[in-house]
Amino acid sequence: MEGREAEREAGIRIMAETLREFGIEREQAREKIKEKFSLSEEEMMAYMEVYEAH
């Protein structure tokens, strides 16, 4: 199970970075990632640190 979680986190991180590189606004990126990965609001906030870090 740990391997699947690591893969999921990597996918989310890659998607966040790609959306940022394409100039997608934070809120749009947040909603798209939340939708595609079926994240809760709390999970989404944790992952958005990647988006905001760059």
Protein backbone atom coordinates (compact mmCIF):
# COMPACT_ATOMS: atom_id res chain seq x y z
CA MET A 1 0.00 0.00 0.00
CA GLU A 2 2.88 2.37 0.68
CA GLY A 3 4.03 2.12 -2.93
CA ARG A 4 0.62 3.15 -4.24
CA GLU A 5 0.51 6.15 -1.91
CA ALA A 6 3.98 7.22 -3.03
CA GLU A 7 2.91 6.93 -6.68
CA ARG A 8 -0.22 8.98 -5.98
CA GLU A 9 1.79 11.69 -4.25
CA ALA A 10 4.26 11.78 -7.13
CA GLY A 11 1.40 12.10 -9.62
CA ILE A 12 -0.14 14.97 -7.69
CA ARG A 13 3.22 16.72 -7.39
CA ILE A 14 3.91 16.34 -11.11
CA MET A 15 0.46 17.61 -12.05
CA ALA A 16 0.80 20.61 -9.71
CA GLU A 17 4.20 21.49 -11.16
CA THR A 18 2.96 21.09 -14.74
CA LEU A 19 -0.08 23.27 -14.17
CA ARG A 20 2.14 25.91 -12.58
CA GLU A 21 4.54 25.79 -15.54
CA PHE A 22 1.61 26.35 -17.91
CA GLY A 23 0.57 29.42 -15.94
CA ILE A 24 -2.65 27.97 -14.53
CA GLU A 25 -3.88 30.04 -11.61
CA ARG A 26 -3.70 28.55 -8.14
CA GLU A 27 -7.45 28.11 -7.67
CA GLN A 28 -7.93 26.48 -11.05
CA ALA A 29 -5.02 24.12 -10.38
CA ARG A 30 -6.40 23.30 -6.94
CA GLU A 31 -9.81 22.39 -8.29
CA LYS A 32 -8.42 20.31 -11.15
CA ILE A 33 -6.09 18.32 -8.91
CA LYS A 34 -8.81 17.86 -6.29
CA GLU A 35 -11.16 16.53 -8.99
CA LYS A 36 -8.69 14.23 -10.74
CA PHE A 37 -7.33 12.65 -7.55
CA SER A 38 -10.56 12.68 -5.49
CA LEU A 39 -8.95 14.64 -2.67
CA SER A 40 -10.61 16.10 0.41
CA GLU A 41 -10.16 19.79 1.12
CA GLU A 42 -7.59 18.97 3.82
CA GLU A 43 -5.58 16.73 1.52
CA MET A 44 -5.71 19.37 -1.19
CA MET A 45 -4.32 22.06 1.10
CA ALA A 46 -1.34 19.88 1.96
CA TYR A 47 -0.52 19.23 -1.68
CA MET A 48 -0.89 22.89 -2.67
CA GLU A 49 2.33 23.62 -0.80
CA VAL A 50 4.11 22.17 -3.83
CA TYR A 51 2.24 24.53 -6.15
CA GLU A 52 3.01 27.56 -4.01
CA ALA A 53 6.64 26.65 -3.33
CA HIS A 54 7.75 27.66 -6.82
